[in-house]
Protein backbone atom coordinates (compact mmCIF):
# COMPACT_ATOMS: atom_id res chain seq x y z
CA MET A 1 0.07 -0.11 0.16
CA LYS A 2 1.36 3.18 -1.00
CA GLN A 3 1.76 5.68 1.57
CA GLY A 4 1.10 9.61 1.02
CA ALA A 5 3.97 12.18 1.20
CA PRO A 6 3.85 13.76 4.75
CA CYS A 7 2.01 17.04 5.23
CA MET A 8 4.05 19.96 7.12
CA SER A 9 2.06 22.15 9.40
CA VAL A 10 2.22 26.01 9.51
CA ALA A 11 0.22 26.44 12.83
CA HIS A 12 3.32 27.17 14.98
CA PRO A 13 4.99 29.71 12.74
CA GLN A 14 1.56 31.57 12.30
CA ARG A 15 0.93 31.53 16.40
CA GLY A 16 4.70 33.00 16.45
CA ILE A 17 4.11 35.90 14.34
CA ALA A 18 0.51 36.65 15.97
CA LEU A 19 2.32 36.57 19.40
CA PHE A 20 4.93 39.10 17.97
CA VAL A 21 2.29 41.30 16.57
CA ALA A 22 0.36 41.54 19.90
CA LEU A 23 3.69 42.36 21.82
CA ILE A 24 4.08 44.96 19.61
CA ALA A 25 0.51 46.24 20.10
CA MET A 26 1.03 46.13 23.58
CA VAL A 27 3.85 48.08 23.90
CA LEU A 28 2.36 50.71 21.68
CA LEU A 29 -0.73 50.83 23.78
CA GLY A 30 1.31 51.29 26.95
CA LEU A 31 3.46 54.19 25.63
CA GLY A 32 0.23 55.90 24.63
CA GLY A 33 -1.24 55.09 28.00
CA ILE A 34 1.78 56.64 29.60
CA ALA A 35 1.74 59.58 26.98
CA VAL A 36 -2.02 60.53 28.26
CA MET A 37 -1.20 60.32 31.89
CA ARG A 38 1.64 62.67 31.34
CA SER A 39 -0.50 64.81 29.38
CA VAL A 40 -3.13 65.07 32.13
CA ASP A 41 -0.68 65.49 35.09
CA ALA A 42 0.55 68.49 32.88
CA ALA A 43 -2.65 69.92 32.59
CA ALA A 44 -3.72 69.56 36.08
CA SER A 45 -0.24 71.19 37.20
CA VAL A 46 -1.12 74.10 34.90
CA ALA A 47 -4.67 74.26 36.09
CA GLY A 48 -3.59 74.15 39.54
CA ASN A 49 -1.03 77.12 38.96
CA ILE A 50 -3.52 79.22 37.52
CA ALA A 51 -5.83 78.67 39.98
CA PHE A 52 -3.14 79.49 42.74
CA ARG A 53 -2.23 82.87 40.96
CA GLN A 54 -5.89 83.89 40.72
CA ALA A 55 -6.32 82.66 44.46
CA SER A 56 -3.64 85.13 45.17
CA VAL A 57 -5.11 88.02 43.99
CA GLY A 58 -6.84 88.47 47.18
CA PRO A 59 -4.08 88.10 49.73
CA VAL A 60 -1.67 90.36 47.30
CA ASN A 61 -4.43 93.27 47.38
CA GLN A 62 -4.49 93.03 51.08
CA ALA A 63 -0.94 93.23 51.54
CA ILE A 64 -0.68 96.31 49.27
CA GLU A 65 -3.44 98.21 51.02
CA ALA A 66 -1.67 97.62 54.30
CA ALA A 67 1.62 99.10 52.88
CA ILE A 68 -0.33 102.02 51.70
CA ASP A 69 -1.77 102.35 54.93
CA ALA A 70 1.73 102.18 56.82
CA LEU A 71 3.12 104.64 54.15
CA PHE A 72 0.29 107.33 54.26
CA ASN A 73 -2.79 106.91 56.36
CA SER A 74 -1.84 105.31 59.88
CA SER A 75 2.07 106.36 59.40
CA THR A 76 3.16 103.22 61.07
CA ILE A 77 6.20 103.75 58.93
CA ALA A 78 7.17 107.03 60.54
CA LEU A 79 10.44 107.92 58.79
CA GLN A 80 10.60 107.50 55.24
CA ASP A 81 14.16 108.62 54.61
CA VAL A 82 15.83 105.59 56.68
CA ASP A 83 15.15 101.88 56.45
CA ASP A 84 12.39 100.40 58.66
CA THR A 85 12.89 96.41 58.39
CA ALA A 86 10.37 95.89 61.17
CA HIS A 87 8.04 97.11 59.13
CA GLY A 88 9.22 95.54 55.96
CA TYR A 89 10.39 99.13 54.44
CA TYR A 90 13.36 100.31 52.57
CA ALA A 91 14.03 103.82 51.72
CA LEU A 92 16.35 102.62 48.70
CA LEU A 93 15.99 100.04 46.00
CA GLN A 94 17.59 96.98 47.19
CA PRO A 95 20.72 95.58 45.05
CA ALA A 96 20.73 91.91 43.49
CA GLU A 97 17.00 92.02 42.35
CA LEU A 98 15.77 89.54 39.75
CA ALA A 99 15.30 90.64 36.10
CA ASN A 100 11.62 90.57 36.85
CA GLY A 101 11.97 93.09 39.84
CA VAL A 102 11.74 90.67 42.65
CA PRO A 103 14.16 91.62 45.37
CA ASP A 104 16.53 89.44 46.47
CA VAL A 105 14.60 88.43 49.80
CA LEU A 106 11.76 87.39 48.18
CA ALA A 107 13.63 85.52 45.59
CA GLY A 108 14.31 81.61 45.33
CA ASN A 109 13.01 78.47 46.64
CA TYR A 110 10.77 78.44 50.02
CA ALA A 111 13.92 77.64 51.96
CA THR A 112 16.38 80.03 50.52
CA MET A 113 13.67 82.86 50.69
CA GLN A 114 12.45 82.17 54.12
CA GLY A 115 16.22 82.23 55.44
CA LYS A 116 17.14 85.63 53.40
CA TYR A 117 13.73 87.05 54.72
CA ALA A 118 14.56 86.28 58.53
CA ALA A 119 18.24 87.49 58.24
CA ALA A 120 17.19 90.64 57.03
CA GLY A 121 15.12 91.20 60.15
CA LEU A 122 11.46 91.59 58.12
CA PRO A 123 8.10 91.04 59.60
CA ALA A 124 6.82 87.70 60.11
CA ALA A 125 4.63 86.12 57.28
CA ALA A 126 0.88 86.60 57.37
CA VAL A 127 -0.50 83.27 57.27
CA ASP A 128 -3.79 81.98 56.55
CA PRO A 129 -5.19 79.67 59.18
CA VAL A 130 -6.93 77.35 56.96
CA THR A 131 -4.96 77.18 53.85
CA GLN A 132 -1.47 77.90 55.34
CA THR A 133 -1.00 80.16 52.61
CA GLU A 134 2.08 82.44 53.56
CA VAL A 135 2.12 86.42 52.42
CA ARG A 136 5.22 88.32 52.63
CA SER A 137 5.94 91.84 51.13
CA VAL A 138 8.74 94.36 50.92
CA ILE A 139 8.03 98.17 50.30
CA GLU A 140 10.83 100.07 48.61
CA ARG A 141 11.16 103.87 47.92
CA ILE A 142 12.66 103.98 44.63
CA CYS A 143 15.66 106.13 45.32
CA SER A 144 19.15 105.33 44.97
CA SER A 145 22.20 107.02 47.02
CA ALA A 146 25.82 106.22 47.78
CA SER A 147 25.63 108.19 50.85
CA PRO A 148 24.88 107.20 54.25
CA PRO A 149 21.34 107.48 55.87
CA PRO A 150 19.11 109.58 56.21
CA TRP A 151 18.48 109.77 52.41
CA PRO A 152 16.12 112.72 51.74
CA VAL A 153 13.77 112.82 48.83
CA THR A 154 15.53 114.99 45.57
CA ALA A 155 14.88 114.82 41.82
CA ASP A 156 18.42 113.51 41.21
CA SER A 157 17.86 110.46 43.48
CA CYS A 158 14.70 109.45 43.36
CA ASP A 159 11.82 108.88 41.13
CA THR A 160 9.05 111.21 41.79
CA LEU A 161 6.33 112.52 40.11
CA PRO A 162 6.33 115.48 38.11
CA LEU A 163 6.86 118.62 39.99
CA LYS A 164 3.67 120.78 40.94
CA VAL A 165 2.90 124.26 41.87
CA THR A 166 0.15 125.83 43.80
CA PRO A 167 -1.74 128.65 41.99
CA ALA A 168 -1.43 132.17 43.25
CA HIS A 169 -4.30 133.13 45.21
CA THR A 170 -3.73 136.88 45.76
CA SER A 171 -2.75 139.71 43.68
CA ASN A 172 0.33 140.21 46.02
CA ASN A 173 1.40 136.67 45.52
CA ALA A 174 2.01 136.38 41.59
CA ARG A 175 4.19 133.74 41.78
CA PRO A 176 3.08 130.20 42.32
CA ILE A 177 4.68 128.20 45.18
CA PRO A 178 6.52 125.01 44.08
CA LEU A 179 5.42 121.71 46.20
CA PRO A 180 7.81 119.22 47.28
CA PRO A 181 8.37 116.25 44.85
CA ILE A 182 6.32 113.16 45.51
CA PRO A 183 8.29 109.71 45.82
CA VAL A 184 6.95 106.76 44.17
CA PHE A 185 7.09 103.49 46.32
CA ARG A 186 7.38 99.88 44.96
CA VAL A 187 5.55 97.24 47.15
CA THR A 188 6.76 93.46 46.16
CA VAL A 189 4.52 90.74 47.60
CA ARG A 190 5.40 87.01 47.35
CA VAL A 191 2.50 84.44 48.16
CA ASP A 192 3.22 80.60 48.52
CA ILE A 193 2.43 77.56 50.15
CA PRO A 194 4.93 75.79 52.33
CA ASN A 195 6.56 72.71 51.19
CA SER A 196 5.11 73.48 47.53
CA ASN A 197 6.82 74.75 44.60
CA THR A 198 3.61 76.79 43.78
CA ILE A 199 5.01 80.82 44.25
CA SER A 200 3.24 83.92 43.31
CA HIS A 201 4.85 87.29 42.85
CA ALA A 202 3.19 90.62 42.54
CA GLN A 203 4.03 94.56 42.33
CA ALA A 204 2.34 97.67 42.87
CA PHE A 205 3.52 101.13 42.41
CA VAL A 206 2.00 104.06 44.77
CA HIS A 207 2.64 107.52 45.91
CA ALA A 208 1.07 109.76 48.31
CA GLY A 209 -1.88 111.66 47.57
CA THR A 210 -2.00 115.25 46.58
CA PRO A 211 -1.43 118.06 49.36
CA ALA A 212 -5.25 118.65 49.07
CA LYS A 213 -5.89 114.96 50.24
CA PRO A 214 -3.20 114.55 53.12
CA GLY A 215 -2.86 111.03 54.56
CA THR A 216 -3.93 109.23 51.44
CA GLY A 217 -2.24 107.02 49.05
CA ILE A 218 -2.81 106.13 45.32
CA ARG A 219 -2.09 103.09 43.56
CA TRP A 220 -0.24 103.87 40.05
CA SER A 221 0.00 100.23 38.79
CA TRP A 222 -0.31 96.62 39.92
CA ARG A 223 0.94 93.42 38.21
CA LEU A 224 1.44 89.89 38.60
CA LEU A 225 4.97 88.99 38.01
CA HIS A 226 6.09 85.85 35.54
CA GLY A 227 9.48 84.15 35.35
CA ASN A 228 9.74 83.24 39.17
């Protein structure tokens, strides 16, 4: 009896190719899942930072209003010609500020800033009892001088508002009376949460009111700073 030729099975090679394709598909799906997770994490981080910066507007406004009160209303900072670090005040712009205008004592990560801030003798941070958010601020008069204190306000050493004069009131007083220059102050505020990399800086420029409104302060500008 004649036997037929043996048949060759192709089942094993086909199963090997299917396994290889399945492994490639699993790797691609894994990479896609990782990419999606990283995208979601980045989006959540950005959203959290934006929300924090928006939430910091309230504490920043409070710090600026407190600075205006200390300078012009309650006059907690009694002498503006000298430094008063106990109230967070400098009569001159401080050196070594960042490119965006943040003073050195408010710059850096939390631990670095905390050490510099305390060493400068500045007041303790205002802490929110619920969120533990810390707010620190520094007031600088926009002046520069190489002389020892006190530093009076002059047009040559300080950034001041344009000189104004009072109008003459009688025929015997035909010439107007020049008013003293009005200096400009820079208030820098830092808001951060301990053990977090989330930091927000803001600045406002303020000046005293006109002589017709003594004891008042005026905001000139306000901005959130980037690149911290």
